[in-house]
Amino acid sequence: MSLNVKNTDTLGLITALATRLKTTKVQAINDAVAMRLQSLDRPACPDVDSLLEAIWADQTPDEKQAVRDRMAELYDEKGLPT
């Protein structure tokens, strides 16, 4: 089976990639498509809340208490910044 690339911009990109990788154009296309497919299979980046929850879950009880202590220093008894 063959692939005929008629778009000059695409051909230029393929040539540039093959040159940088010191490989053939076919191998450059193969590598690029494989990498793109892998990136599509990866889960999306987690949101900030998910990251913070994961960090909190990994903390030791002492580390969690240190965070609570620091939060207590930042806010008064009414929950307002000090």
N, C-alpha and C. Protein backbone atom coordinates (compact mmCIF):
# COMPACT_ATOMS: atom_id res chain seq x y z
N MET A 1 0.85 -1.17 0.00
CA MET A 1 0.00 0.00 0.00
C MET A 1 0.89 1.23 0.00
N SER A 2 0.47 2.24 -0.70
CA SER A 2 1.30 3.44 -0.78
C SER A 2 0.54 4.65 -0.30
N LEU A 3 1.30 5.68 0.02
CA LEU A 3 0.75 6.96 0.44
C LEU A 3 1.44 8.03 -0.39
N ASN A 4 0.64 8.83 -1.06
CA ASN A 4 1.18 9.88 -1.89
C ASN A 4 0.82 11.22 -1.26
N VAL A 5 1.82 11.93 -0.75
CA VAL A 5 1.59 13.22 -0.11
C VAL A 5 1.74 14.31 -1.16
N LYS A 6 0.63 15.00 -1.43
CA LYS A 6 0.65 16.04 -2.45
C LYS A 6 0.74 17.44 -1.86
N ASN A 7 0.47 17.56 -0.57
CA ASN A 7 0.51 18.85 0.09
C ASN A 7 1.97 19.20 0.38
N THR A 8 2.44 20.30 -0.19
CA THR A 8 3.86 20.66 -0.05
C THR A 8 4.22 21.03 1.39
N ASP A 9 3.29 21.64 2.11
CA ASP A 9 3.56 21.98 3.51
C ASP A 9 3.75 20.70 4.34
N THR A 10 2.87 19.74 4.13
CA THR A 10 2.95 18.47 4.85
C THR A 10 4.24 17.74 4.50
N LEU A 11 4.57 17.73 3.24
CA LEU A 11 5.80 17.07 2.80
C LEU A 11 7.02 17.75 3.43
N GLY A 12 6.99 19.06 3.53
CA GLY A 12 8.09 19.78 4.17
C GLY A 12 8.23 19.42 5.65
N LEU A 13 7.08 19.28 6.32
CA LEU A 13 7.12 18.89 7.74
C LEU A 13 7.67 17.48 7.90
N ILE A 14 7.25 16.59 7.05
CA ILE A 14 7.73 15.21 7.10
C ILE A 14 9.23 15.16 6.86
N THR A 15 9.67 15.90 5.86
CA THR A 15 11.11 15.94 5.54
C THR A 15 11.90 16.51 6.70
N ALA A 16 11.42 17.60 7.30
CA ALA A 16 12.11 18.20 8.43
C ALA A 16 12.20 17.23 9.61
N LEU A 17 11.09 16.55 9.89
CA LEU A 17 11.09 15.59 10.99
C LEU A 17 12.06 14.43 10.72
N ALA A 18 12.03 13.90 9.53
CA ALA A 18 12.92 12.80 9.17
C ALA A 18 14.38 13.24 9.27
N THR A 19 14.67 14.45 8.86
CA THR A 19 16.04 14.96 8.93
C THR A 19 16.50 15.08 10.38
N ARG A 20 15.65 15.65 11.22
CA ARG A 20 16.02 15.81 12.63
C ARG A 20 16.18 14.47 13.34
N LEU A 21 15.33 13.51 12.97
CA LEU A 21 15.41 12.19 13.59
C LEU A 21 16.46 11.29 12.95
N LYS A 22 17.03 11.79 11.84
CA LYS A 22 18.01 11.00 11.07
C LYS A 22 17.42 9.64 10.70
N THR A 23 16.24 9.70 10.10
CA THR A 23 15.54 8.49 9.72
C THR A 23 14.85 8.71 8.37
N THR A 24 14.11 7.72 7.94
CA THR A 24 13.39 7.86 6.67
C THR A 24 12.08 8.63 6.89
N LYS A 25 11.52 9.10 5.81
CA LYS A 25 10.24 9.79 5.89
C LYS A 25 9.14 8.84 6.37
N VAL A 26 9.19 7.61 5.90
CA VAL A 26 8.19 6.62 6.33
C VAL A 26 8.27 6.40 7.83
N GLN A 27 9.49 6.24 8.35
CA GLN A 27 9.64 6.02 9.79
C GLN A 27 9.23 7.26 10.57
N ALA A 28 9.53 8.44 10.04
CA ALA A 28 9.13 9.68 10.71
C ALA A 28 7.61 9.78 10.80
N ILE A 29 6.93 9.43 9.71
CA ILE A 29 5.46 9.44 9.73
C ILE A 29 4.95 8.42 10.73
N ASN A 30 5.52 7.24 10.71
CA ASN A 30 5.11 6.17 11.63
C ASN A 30 5.27 6.62 13.08
N ASP A 31 6.42 7.18 13.40
CA ASP A 31 6.67 7.64 14.77
C ASP A 31 5.71 8.75 15.18
N ALA A 32 5.49 9.70 14.28
CA ALA A 32 4.62 10.83 14.59
C ALA A 32 3.18 10.38 14.81
N VAL A 33 2.69 9.48 13.97
CA VAL A 33 1.33 9.00 14.11
C VAL A 33 1.19 8.17 15.39
N ALA A 34 2.17 7.34 15.68
CA ALA A 34 2.13 6.53 16.91
C ALA A 34 2.11 7.42 18.14
N MET A 35 2.94 8.46 18.15
CA MET A 35 2.97 9.37 19.29
C MET A 35 1.65 10.11 19.44
N ARG A 36 1.07 10.52 18.33
CA ARG A 36 -0.21 11.24 18.38
C ARG A 36 -1.31 10.33 18.91
N LEU A 37 -1.33 9.08 18.48
CA LEU A 37 -2.32 8.14 18.98
C LEU A 37 -2.16 7.90 20.48
N GLN A 38 -0.90 7.80 20.93
CA GLN A 38 -0.65 7.64 22.37
C GLN A 38 -1.16 8.83 23.15
N SER A 39 -0.94 10.02 22.62
CA SER A 39 -1.39 11.22 23.33
C SER A 39 -2.91 11.27 23.42
N LEU A 40 -3.60 10.76 22.42
CA LEU A 40 -5.06 10.72 22.46
C LEU A 40 -5.57 9.69 23.46
N ASP A 41 -4.79 8.66 23.72
CA ASP A 41 -5.19 7.62 24.66
C ASP A 41 -4.93 8.00 26.12
N ARG A 42 -4.08 9.00 26.33
CA ARG A 42 -3.78 9.43 27.70
C ARG A 42 -4.99 10.14 28.28
N PRO A 43 -5.21 9.96 29.59
CA PRO A 43 -6.32 10.70 30.20
C PRO A 43 -6.03 12.20 30.20
N ALA A 44 -7.09 12.97 30.19
CA ALA A 44 -6.95 14.43 30.20
C ALA A 44 -6.28 14.85 31.51
N CYS A 45 -5.67 16.01 31.49
CA CYS A 45 -5.05 16.54 32.69
C CYS A 45 -6.10 16.74 33.77
N PRO A 46 -5.79 16.33 35.00
CA PRO A 46 -6.77 16.50 36.06
C PRO A 46 -6.96 17.97 36.41
N ASP A 47 -8.12 18.29 36.94
CA ASP A 47 -8.37 19.68 37.34
C ASP A 47 -7.67 19.96 38.68
N VAL A 48 -7.61 21.20 39.05
CA VAL A 48 -6.90 21.63 40.26
C VAL A 48 -7.46 20.95 41.50
N ASP A 49 -8.79 20.88 41.60
CA ASP A 49 -9.40 20.25 42.77
C ASP A 49 -8.97 18.80 42.92
N SER A 50 -8.92 18.08 41.81
CA SER A 50 -8.50 16.67 41.86
C SER A 50 -7.05 16.56 42.31
N LEU A 51 -6.21 17.45 41.81
CA LEU A 51 -4.80 17.43 42.22
C LEU A 51 -4.65 17.73 43.71
N LEU A 52 -5.39 18.73 44.19
CA LEU A 52 -5.30 19.07 45.61
C LEU A 52 -5.83 17.94 46.48
N GLU A 53 -6.90 17.29 46.06
CA GLU A 53 -7.42 16.15 46.81
C GLU A 53 -6.40 15.02 46.86
N ALA A 54 -5.73 14.76 45.76
CA ALA A 54 -4.71 13.71 45.72
C ALA A 54 -3.53 14.06 46.63
N ILE A 55 -3.13 15.32 46.62
CA ILE A 55 -2.03 15.75 47.49
C ILE A 55 -2.44 15.60 48.95
N TRP A 56 -3.65 16.04 49.28
CA TRP A 56 -4.13 15.95 50.65
C TRP A 56 -4.19 14.49 51.11
N ALA A 57 -4.64 13.60 50.24
CA ALA A 57 -4.75 12.18 50.57
C ALA A 57 -3.38 11.57 50.86
N ASP A 58 -2.33 12.11 50.27
CA ASP A 58 -0.98 11.57 50.47
C ASP A 58 -0.27 12.13 51.69
N GLN A 59 -0.90 13.10 52.36
CA GLN A 59 -0.24 13.72 53.51
C GLN A 59 -0.33 12.83 54.75
N THR A 60 0.68 12.91 55.58
CA THR A 60 0.65 12.22 56.86
C THR A 60 -0.24 13.01 57.81
N PRO A 61 -0.68 12.40 58.91
CA PRO A 61 -1.47 13.15 59.88
C PRO A 61 -0.75 14.40 60.40
N ASP A 62 0.55 14.31 60.62
CA ASP A 62 1.32 15.47 61.07
C ASP A 62 1.32 16.58 60.03
N GLU A 63 1.47 16.21 58.76
CA GLU A 63 1.45 17.21 57.69
C GLU A 63 0.08 17.86 57.57
N LYS A 64 -0.97 17.07 57.72
CA LYS A 64 -2.33 17.63 57.67
C LYS A 64 -2.55 18.61 58.83
N GLN A 65 -2.04 18.25 60.00
CA GLN A 65 -2.19 19.14 61.15
C GLN A 65 -1.41 20.44 60.93
N ALA A 66 -0.25 20.35 60.33
CA ALA A 66 0.53 21.56 60.04
C ALA A 66 -0.23 22.49 59.11
N VAL A 67 -0.93 21.93 58.14
CA VAL A 67 -1.74 22.75 57.23
C VAL A 67 -2.88 23.40 58.01
N ARG A 68 -3.54 22.62 58.86
CA ARG A 68 -4.64 23.18 59.67
C ARG A 68 -4.14 24.31 60.57
N ASP A 69 -2.97 24.11 61.18
CA ASP A 69 -2.40 25.14 62.04
C ASP A 69 -2.11 26.41 61.26
N ARG A 70 -1.56 26.26 60.07
CA ARG A 70 -1.25 27.43 59.23
C ARG A 70 -2.53 28.14 58.81
N MET A 71 -3.56 27.38 58.47
CA MET A 71 -4.84 27.99 58.10
C MET A 71 -5.42 28.77 59.28
N ALA A 72 -5.27 28.25 60.49
CA ALA A 72 -5.77 28.93 61.68
C ALA A 72 -5.07 30.27 61.87
N GLU A 73 -3.80 30.35 61.48
CA GLU A 73 -3.05 31.60 61.60
C GLU A 73 -3.51 32.63 60.57
N LEU A 74 -4.04 32.17 59.45
CA LEU A 74 -4.43 33.07 58.37
C LEU A 74 -5.81 33.69 58.57
N TYR A 75 -6.68 33.03 59.33
CA TYR A 75 -8.06 33.48 59.48
C TYR A 75 -8.43 33.59 60.95
N ASP A 76 -9.29 34.56 61.27
CA ASP A 76 -9.75 34.72 62.66
C ASP A 76 -10.91 33.77 62.92
N GLU A 77 -11.50 33.86 64.12
CA GLU A 77 -12.58 32.95 64.52
C GLU A 77 -13.85 33.11 63.68
N LYS A 78 -13.97 34.24 62.99
CA LYS A 78 -15.13 34.46 62.11
C LYS A 78 -14.86 34.02 60.67
N GLY A 79 -13.64 33.52 60.41
CA GLY A 79 -13.28 33.07 59.07
C GLY A 79 -12.79 34.18 58.18
N LEU A 80 -12.48 35.33 58.77
CA LEU A 80 -11.98 36.46 58.00
C LEU A 80 -10.46 36.50 58.04
N PRO A 81 -9.83 37.01 56.98
CA PRO A 81 -8.36 37.10 56.99
C PRO A 81 -7.87 37.95 58.15
N THR A 82 -6.78 37.53 58.75
CA THR A 82 -6.22 38.31 59.87
C THR A 82 -5.32 39.41 59.37
